[in-house]
């Protein structure tokens, strides 16, 4: 089984990640003034769910293939970031902004690399690459300009998560078609 088929076989994990991101994004866009503690808790839960989904997708063995190292790394980073966020809910907004920023940069790099590897297997692999670019730029913005206010951060997180989630869902359904034997 090729790398592309292994990725397609795990389309459900990508759909779960996308769905969680959409729900997370909508919560922030429609609840514009969360407290910092709520922001920390929601982000921590989201990143743990995202991390578990990525880890499961990366560890799920495929016939004749090794595990997906990028997804495993992304999963571990996400789980650690989520646990740290929930264990220390009193962290300052600045630390939270950096935590979110570095997580988004790591996710973006992994997704761009995986999108490039999928170019041979599916049409419109740009969806995964676009998801990675959105993650990467979002993370860079947060790391470069961390003094943004809590409401601005909440808006950007919501907007990012919504775009990210929609792109992940589109990709998941294209991969599902690939897994079912059709060309995506």
C-alpha atoms as a PDB file:
ATOM      1  CA  UNK A   1       0.000   0.000   0.000  1.00  0.00           C
ATOM      2  CA  UNK A   2       1.408   3.367  -0.993  1.00  0.00           C
ATOM      3  CA  UNK A   3       1.798   6.388   1.253  1.00  0.00           C
ATOM      4  CA  UNK A   4      -1.093   8.020  -0.585  1.00  0.00           C
ATOM      5  CA  UNK A   5      -3.348   5.011   0.012  1.00  0.00           C
ATOM      6  CA  UNK A   6      -2.399   4.999   3.677  1.00  0.00           C
ATOM      7  CA  UNK A   7      -3.327   8.676   3.908  1.00  0.00           C
ATOM      8  CA  UNK A   8      -6.613   8.011   2.087  1.00  0.00           C
ATOM      9  CA  UNK A   9      -7.373   5.099   4.391  1.00  0.00           C
ATOM     10  CA  UNK A  10      -7.273   7.525   7.330  1.00  0.00           C
ATOM     11  CA  UNK A  11      -9.697  10.040   5.822  1.00  0.00           C
ATOM     12  CA  UNK A  12     -11.964   9.715   8.882  1.00  0.00           C
ATOM     13  CA  UNK A  13      -9.255  11.132  11.158  1.00  0.00           C
ATOM     14  CA  UNK A  14      -8.865  14.109   8.822  1.00  0.00           C
ATOM     15  CA  UNK A  15     -12.647  14.605   8.798  1.00  0.00           C
ATOM     16  CA  UNK A  16     -12.684  14.484  12.616  1.00  0.00           C
ATOM     17  CA  UNK A  17      -9.923  17.100  12.751  1.00  0.00           C
ATOM     18  CA  UNK A  18     -11.803  19.282  10.265  1.00  0.00           C
ATOM     19  CA  UNK A  19     -15.119  18.961  12.099  1.00  0.00           C
ATOM     20  CA  UNK A  20     -13.507  19.807  15.440  1.00  0.00           C
ATOM     21  CA  UNK A  21     -11.843  22.857  13.876  1.00  0.00           C
ATOM     22  CA  UNK A  22     -15.138  24.094  12.372  1.00  0.00           C
ATOM     23  CA  UNK A  23     -16.938  23.751  15.715  1.00  0.00           C
ATOM     24  CA  UNK A  24     -14.037  25.440  17.508  1.00  0.00           C
ATOM     25  CA  UNK A  25     -13.957  28.298  14.978  1.00  0.00           C
ATOM     26  CA  UNK A  26     -17.687  28.923  15.088  1.00  0.00           C
ATOM     27  CA  UNK A  27     -17.637  28.989  18.893  1.00  0.00           C
ATOM     28  CA  UNK A  28     -15.084  31.811  18.830  1.00  0.00           C
ATOM     29  CA  UNK A  29     -16.726  33.762  16.032  1.00  0.00           C
ATOM     30  CA  UNK A  30     -20.150  33.716  17.695  1.00  0.00           C
ATOM     31  CA  UNK A  31     -18.832  34.179  21.232  1.00  0.00           C
ATOM     32  CA  UNK A  32     -16.533  37.162  20.679  1.00  0.00           C
ATOM     33  CA  UNK A  33     -15.622  38.013  24.270  1.00  0.00           C
ATOM     34  CA  UNK A  34     -14.488  34.832  26.040  1.00  0.00           C
ATOM     35  CA  UNK A  35     -12.482  35.132  29.196  1.00  0.00           C
ATOM     36  CA  UNK A  36      -8.853  34.139  29.028  1.00  0.00           C
ATOM     37  CA  UNK A  37      -9.573  31.059  31.148  1.00  0.00           C
ATOM     38  CA  UNK A  38     -12.300  29.954  28.738  1.00  0.00           C
ATOM     39  CA  UNK A  39     -10.014  30.621  25.780  1.00  0.00           C
ATOM     40  CA  UNK A  40      -7.319  28.496  27.385  1.00  0.00           C
ATOM     41  CA  UNK A  41      -9.725  25.630  28.135  1.00  0.00           C
ATOM     42  CA  UNK A  42     -11.330  25.585  24.693  1.00  0.00           C
ATOM     43  CA  UNK A  43      -7.955  25.734  22.954  1.00  0.00           C
ATOM     44  CA  UNK A  44      -6.586  22.971  25.185  1.00  0.00           C
ATOM     45  CA  UNK A  45      -9.522  20.675  24.432  1.00  0.00           C
ATOM     46  CA  UNK A  46      -9.369  21.421  20.699  1.00  0.00           C
ATOM     47  CA  UNK A  47      -5.640  20.736  20.460  1.00  0.00           C
ATOM     48  CA  UNK A  48      -5.953  17.473  22.418  1.00  0.00           C
ATOM     49  CA  UNK A  49      -8.770  16.284  20.094  1.00  0.00           C
ATOM     50  CA  UNK A  50      -6.732  17.352  17.059  1.00  0.00           C
ATOM     51  CA  UNK A  51      -3.618  15.683  18.482  1.00  0.00           C
ATOM     52  CA  UNK A  52      -5.366  12.397  19.256  1.00  0.00           C
ATOM     53  CA  UNK A  53      -6.929  12.313  15.777  1.00  0.00           C
ATOM     54  CA  UNK A  54      -3.551  12.997  14.133  1.00  0.00           C
ATOM     55  CA  UNK A  55      -1.800  10.424  16.342  1.00  0.00           C
ATOM     56  CA  UNK A  56      -4.402   7.747  15.569  1.00  0.00           C
ATOM     57  CA  UNK A  57      -4.106   8.516  11.870  1.00  0.00           C
ATOM     58  CA  UNK A  58      -0.329   8.305  12.027  1.00  0.00           C
ATOM     59  CA  UNK A  59      -0.215   5.109  14.076  1.00  0.00           C
ATOM     60  CA  UNK A  60      -2.867   3.269  12.115  1.00  0.00           C
ATOM     61  CA  UNK A  61      -0.828   0.633  10.327  1.00  0.00           C
ATOM     62  CA  UNK A  62      -1.177   0.246   6.608  1.00  0.00           C
ATOM     63  CA  UNK A  63      -0.326  -2.961   4.807  1.00  0.00           C
ATOM     64  CA  UNK A  64       3.296  -2.895   3.800  1.00  0.00           C
ATOM     65  CA  UNK A  65       3.788   0.711   4.980  1.00  0.00           C
ATOM     66  CA  UNK A  66       5.335   2.208   8.025  1.00  0.00           C
ATOM     67  CA  UNK A  67       3.605   4.688  10.204  1.00  0.00           C
ATOM     68  CA  UNK A  68       3.160   8.339   9.139  1.00  0.00           C
ATOM     69  CA  UNK A  69       5.890  10.143  11.079  1.00  0.00           C
ATOM     70  CA  UNK A  70       4.574  13.636  10.340  1.00  0.00           C
ATOM     71  CA  UNK A  71       1.117  12.858  11.712  1.00  0.00           C
ATOM     72  CA  UNK A  72       2.598  11.136  14.756  1.00  0.00           C
ATOM     73  CA  UNK A  73       4.775  14.181  15.486  1.00  0.00           C
ATOM     74  CA  UNK A  74       1.844  16.552  14.948  1.00  0.00           C
ATOM     75  CA  UNK A  75      -0.304  14.415  17.256  1.00  0.00           C
ATOM     76  CA  UNK A  76       2.282  14.348  20.024  1.00  0.00           C
ATOM     77  CA  UNK A  77       2.876  18.108  19.768  1.00  0.00           C
ATOM     78  CA  UNK A  78      -0.884  18.753  19.860  1.00  0.00           C
ATOM     79  CA  UNK A  79      -1.499  16.499  22.867  1.00  0.00           C
ATOM     80  CA  UNK A  80       1.404  18.034  24.797  1.00  0.00           C
ATOM     81  CA  UNK A  81       0.271  21.587  23.931  1.00  0.00           C
ATOM     82  CA  UNK A  82      -3.284  20.776  25.011  1.00  0.00           C
ATOM     83  CA  UNK A  83      -2.241  19.177  28.306  1.00  0.00           C
ATOM     84  CA  UNK A  84       0.100  22.065  29.151  1.00  0.00           C
ATOM     85  CA  UNK A  85      -2.708  24.499  28.377  1.00  0.00           C
ATOM     86  CA  UNK A  86      -5.212  22.690  30.629  1.00  0.00           C
ATOM     87  CA  UNK A  87      -2.777  22.026  33.488  1.00  0.00           C
ATOM     88  CA  UNK A  88      -1.732  25.701  33.706  1.00  0.00           C
ATOM     89  CA  UNK A  89      -4.930  27.641  32.898  1.00  0.00           C
ATOM     90  CA  UNK A  90      -3.617  30.766  34.575  1.00  0.00           C
ATOM     91  CA  UNK A  91      -0.896  31.369  31.993  1.00  0.00           C
ATOM     92  CA  UNK A  92      -0.759  34.861  30.578  1.00  0.00           C
ATOM     93  CA  UNK A  93      -2.293  35.792  27.261  1.00  0.00           C
ATOM     94  CA  UNK A  94       1.143  36.359  25.790  1.00  0.00           C
ATOM     95  CA  UNK A  95       2.277  32.811  26.540  1.00  0.00           C
ATOM     96  CA  UNK A  96      -0.990  31.476  25.135  1.00  0.00           C
ATOM     97  CA  UNK A  97      -0.486  33.456  21.940  1.00  0.00           C
ATOM     98  CA  UNK A  98       3.008  31.994  21.525  1.00  0.00           C
ATOM     99  CA  UNK A  99       1.743  28.472  22.301  1.00  0.00           C
ATOM    100  CA  UNK A 100      -0.987  28.772  19.673  1.00  0.00           C
ATOM    101  CA  UNK A 101       1.436  30.338  17.201  1.00  0.00           C
ATOM    102  CA  UNK A 102       4.091  27.636  17.485  1.00  0.00           C
ATOM    103  CA  UNK A 103       1.479  24.881  17.299  1.00  0.00           C
ATOM    104  CA  UNK A 104       0.017  26.411  14.125  1.00  0.00           C
ATOM    105  CA  UNK A 105       3.490  26.716  12.561  1.00  0.00           C
ATOM    106  CA  UNK A 106       4.251  23.039  13.300  1.00  0.00           C
ATOM    107  CA  UNK A 107       0.880  21.954  11.895  1.00  0.00           C
ATOM    108  CA  UNK A 108       1.419  24.055   8.771  1.00  0.00           C
ATOM    109  CA  UNK A 109       4.841  22.621   8.021  1.00  0.00           C
ATOM    110  CA  UNK A 110       3.611  19.018   8.395  1.00  0.00           C
ATOM    111  CA  UNK A 111       0.531  19.638   6.232  1.00  0.00           C
ATOM    112  CA  UNK A 112       2.499  21.363   3.452  1.00  0.00           C
ATOM    113  CA  UNK A 113       4.989  18.467   3.387  1.00  0.00           C
ATOM    114  CA  UNK A 114       2.188  15.877   3.302  1.00  0.00           C
ATOM    115  CA  UNK A 115       0.367  17.811   0.579  1.00  0.00           C
ATOM    116  CA  UNK A 116       3.472  17.786  -1.576  1.00  0.00           C
ATOM    117  CA  UNK A 117       3.780  14.013  -1.087  1.00  0.00           C
ATOM    118  CA  UNK A 118       0.107  13.531  -2.096  1.00  0.00           C
ATOM    119  CA  UNK A 119       0.520  15.361  -5.417  1.00  0.00           C
ATOM    120  CA  UNK A 120       0.906  12.107  -7.332  1.00  0.00           C
ATOM    121  CA  UNK A 121      -2.178  10.439  -5.856  1.00  0.00           C
ATOM    122  CA  UNK A 122      -5.012  12.955  -5.883  1.00  0.00           C
ATOM    123  CA  UNK A 123      -6.121  15.900  -7.936  1.00  0.00           C
ATOM    124  CA  UNK A 124      -6.369  19.186  -6.072  1.00  0.00           C
ATOM    125  CA  UNK A 125      -3.797  18.241  -3.464  1.00  0.00           C
ATOM    126  CA  UNK A 126      -3.558  21.979  -3.028  1.00  0.00           C
ATOM    127  CA  UNK A 127      -6.263  21.647  -0.367  1.00  0.00           C
ATOM    128  CA  UNK A 128      -3.838  20.107   2.113  1.00  0.00           C
ATOM    129  CA  UNK A 129      -1.096  22.505   1.039  1.00  0.00           C
ATOM    130  CA  UNK A 130      -3.534  25.448   1.430  1.00  0.00           C
ATOM    131  CA  UNK A 131      -4.484  24.201   4.896  1.00  0.00           C
ATOM    132  CA  UNK A 132      -0.793  24.123   5.780  1.00  0.00           C
ATOM    133  CA  UNK A 133      -0.191  27.610   4.388  1.00  0.00           C
ATOM    134  CA  UNK A 134      -3.144  28.981   6.381  1.00  0.00           C
ATOM    135  CA  UNK A 135      -1.755  27.325   9.538  1.00  0.00           C
ATOM    136  CA  UNK A 136       1.756  28.541   8.870  1.00  0.00           C
ATOM    137  CA  UNK A 137       0.782  32.168   8.218  1.00  0.00           C
ATOM    138  CA  UNK A 138      -1.587  32.229  11.188  1.00  0.00           C
ATOM    139  CA  UNK A 139       1.191  30.943  13.455  1.00  0.00           C
ATOM    140  CA  UNK A 140       3.721  33.412  12.078  1.00  0.00           C
ATOM    141  CA  UNK A 141       1.328  36.329  12.587  1.00  0.00           C
ATOM    142  CA  UNK A 142       0.787  35.332  16.220  1.00  0.00           C
ATOM    143  CA  UNK A 143       4.494  34.847  16.918  1.00  0.00           C
ATOM    144  CA  UNK A 144       5.543  38.083  15.183  1.00  0.00           C
ATOM    145  CA  UNK A 145       2.776  40.274  16.675  1.00  0.00           C
ATOM    146  CA  UNK A 146       1.943  38.755  20.077  1.00  0.00           C
ATOM    147  CA  UNK A 147       0.626  41.992  21.564  1.00  0.00           C
ATOM    148  CA  UNK A 148      -2.763  41.584  19.909  1.00  0.00           C
ATOM    149  CA  UNK A 149      -5.625  41.820  22.392  1.00  0.00           C
ATOM    150  CA  UNK A 150      -7.586  38.811  23.652  1.00  0.00           C
ATOM    151  CA  UNK A 151     -10.599  39.644  21.452  1.00  0.00           C
ATOM    152  CA  UNK A 152      -8.430  39.962  18.353  1.00  0.00           C
ATOM    153  CA  UNK A 153      -6.752  36.661  19.163  1.00  0.00           C
ATOM    154  CA  UNK A 154     -10.139  35.008  19.684  1.00  0.00           C
ATOM    155  CA  UNK A 155     -11.361  36.355  16.335  1.00  0.00           C
ATOM    156  CA  UNK A 156      -8.226  35.218  14.513  1.00  0.00           C
ATOM    157  CA  UNK A 157      -8.383  31.798  16.162  1.00  0.00           C
ATOM    158  CA  UNK A 158     -12.030  31.436  15.162  1.00  0.00           C
ATOM    159  CA  UNK A 159     -11.404  32.583  11.595  1.00  0.00           C
ATOM    160  CA  UNK A 160      -8.331  30.348  11.250  1.00  0.00           C
ATOM    161  CA  UNK A 161     -10.085  27.312  12.715  1.00  0.00           C
ATOM    162  CA  UNK A 162     -13.101  27.752  10.446  1.00  0.00           C
ATOM    163  CA  UNK A 163     -10.991  27.998   7.259  1.00  0.00           C
ATOM    164  CA  UNK A 164      -8.711  25.194   8.445  1.00  0.00           C
ATOM    165  CA  UNK A 165     -11.659  22.947   9.297  1.00  0.00           C
ATOM    166  CA  UNK A 166     -13.452  23.490   5.993  1.00  0.00           C
ATOM    167  CA  UNK A 167     -10.260  22.727   4.042  1.00  0.00           C
ATOM    168  CA  UNK A 168      -9.669  19.595   6.126  1.00  0.00           C
ATOM    169  CA  UNK A 169     -13.247  18.402   5.515  1.00  0.00           C
ATOM    170  CA  UNK A 170     -12.945  18.938   1.749  1.00  0.00           C
ATOM    171  CA  UNK A 171      -9.653  17.041   1.759  1.00  0.00           C
ATOM    172  CA  UNK A 172     -11.143  14.211   3.854  1.00  0.00           C
ATOM    173  CA  UNK A 173     -13.950  13.634   1.366  1.00  0.00           C
ATOM    174  CA  UNK A 174     -11.507  13.671  -1.556  1.00  0.00           C
ATOM    175  CA  UNK A 175      -9.383  11.112   0.263  1.00  0.00           C
ATOM    176  CA  UNK A 176     -12.494   9.043   0.949  1.00  0.00           C
ATOM    177  CA  UNK A 177     -13.101   8.886  -2.797  1.00  0.00           C
ATOM    178  CA  UNK A 178      -9.494   7.782  -3.288  1.00  0.00           C
ATOM    179  CA  UNK A 179      -9.901   5.103  -0.601  1.00  0.00           C
ATOM    180  CA  UNK A 180     -13.046   3.819  -2.312  1.00  0.00           C
ATOM    181  CA  UNK A 181     -11.102   3.239  -5.503  1.00  0.00           C
ATOM    182  CA  UNK A 182     -11.850   6.372  -7.473  1.00  0.00           C
ATOM    183  CA  UNK A 183      -9.359   9.032  -8.411  1.00  0.00           C
ATOM    184  CA  UNK A 184      -9.931  11.986  -6.046  1.00  0.00           C
END
